[in-house]
C-alpha cells in the first residue's frame, strides 16, 4: 500500500529535492542565455556580485551545470 500525504513526502524527500535541484540548474542555464524578467531574479551573479554585467552571465551557466549535474548524479546513484 502506498503511503499518503505527509508520509509520502517524507519517504521521497530526497527525490523531490533532487528534482528541484535539476529544475533550478536548468533555470540558471537558461538565465545565462535568455534575458527575461523572471530569470533575472534567479541569476546567481546578480545575487552575489555587486554590479553584475553581461560579462558575469557565464557564472550562471557554470553554476547551473554543476547544480543540475550533481542533482542528476544523486538521483542515478540512489
Protein backbone atom coordinates (compact mmCIF):
# COMPACT_ATOMS: atom_id res chain seq x y z
CA UNK A 1 0.00 0.00 0.00
CA UNK A 2 1.29 3.45 -0.94
CA UNK A 3 1.88 5.98 1.84
CA UNK A 4 -0.29 9.09 1.58
CA UNK A 5 0.17 12.76 2.30
CA UNK A 6 2.94 13.71 4.69
CA UNK A 7 4.31 10.15 4.89
CA UNK A 8 4.68 10.08 1.09
CA UNK A 9 6.63 13.37 1.08
CA UNK A 10 8.93 12.18 3.88
CA UNK A 11 9.59 8.89 2.09
CA UNK A 12 10.56 10.66 -1.15
CA UNK A 13 12.07 13.91 0.13
CA UNK A 14 15.49 13.22 -1.41
CA UNK A 15 13.91 12.65 -4.82
CA UNK A 16 11.89 15.86 -4.52
CA UNK A 17 14.97 17.88 -3.52
CA UNK A 18 17.00 16.45 -6.40
CA UNK A 19 14.25 17.24 -8.92
CA UNK A 20 14.11 20.80 -7.60
CA UNK A 21 17.90 20.97 -7.99
CA UNK A 22 17.64 19.87 -11.60
CA UNK A 23 14.94 22.46 -12.30
CA UNK A 24 16.96 25.27 -10.66
CA UNK A 25 20.07 24.19 -12.56
CA UNK A 26 18.13 24.40 -15.82
CA UNK A 27 16.81 27.85 -14.84
CA UNK A 28 20.38 29.03 -14.23
CA UNK A 29 21.49 27.64 -17.59
CA UNK A 30 18.62 29.48 -19.27
CA UNK A 31 19.49 32.68 -17.37
CA UNK A 32 22.93 32.59 -18.98
CA UNK A 33 21.39 32.89 -22.45
CA UNK A 34 17.86 34.33 -22.15
CA UNK A 35 17.03 37.81 -20.91
CA UNK A 36 13.71 37.51 -19.09
CA UNK A 37 12.36 39.29 -16.02
CA UNK A 38 11.62 36.01 -14.20
CA UNK A 39 15.05 34.57 -14.97
CA UNK A 40 16.85 37.76 -13.96
CA UNK A 41 15.62 37.27 -10.39
CA UNK A 42 17.21 33.80 -10.28
CA UNK A 43 20.67 34.78 -11.54
CA UNK A 44 23.46 33.97 -9.09
CA UNK A 45 25.72 36.68 -10.41
CA UNK A 46 23.00 39.27 -9.73
CA UNK A 47 22.69 38.00 -6.16
CA UNK A 48 26.38 37.81 -5.21
CA UNK A 49 28.31 40.21 -7.45
CA UNK A 50 27.86 43.92 -6.57
CA UNK A 51 27.47 45.15 -10.17
CA UNK A 52 26.51 42.29 -12.50
CA UNK A 53 27.03 42.83 -16.21
CA UNK A 54 26.75 40.79 -19.36
CA UNK A 55 30.32 39.61 -18.70
CA UNK A 56 29.25 37.92 -15.45
CA UNK A 57 26.39 35.91 -17.03
CA UNK A 58 28.59 32.82 -17.67
CA UNK A 59 28.75 32.32 -13.88
CA UNK A 60 25.13 31.16 -14.14
CA UNK A 61 25.98 28.65 -16.84
CA UNK A 62 28.76 27.06 -14.79
CA UNK A 63 26.70 27.04 -11.59
CA UNK A 64 23.67 25.64 -13.42
CA UNK A 65 25.68 22.81 -14.93
CA UNK A 66 27.19 21.97 -11.55
CA UNK A 67 23.88 22.06 -9.67
CA UNK A 68 21.89 20.13 -12.27
CA UNK A 69 24.72 17.65 -12.80
CA UNK A 70 25.06 16.92 -9.11
CA UNK A 71 21.29 16.50 -8.73
CA UNK A 72 21.18 14.08 -11.68
CA UNK A 73 24.15 12.17 -10.26
CA UNK A 74 22.44 11.95 -6.88
CA UNK A 75 19.27 10.58 -8.47
CA UNK A 76 21.13 7.98 -10.50
CA UNK A 77 23.23 6.69 -7.60
CA UNK A 78 20.29 6.36 -5.27
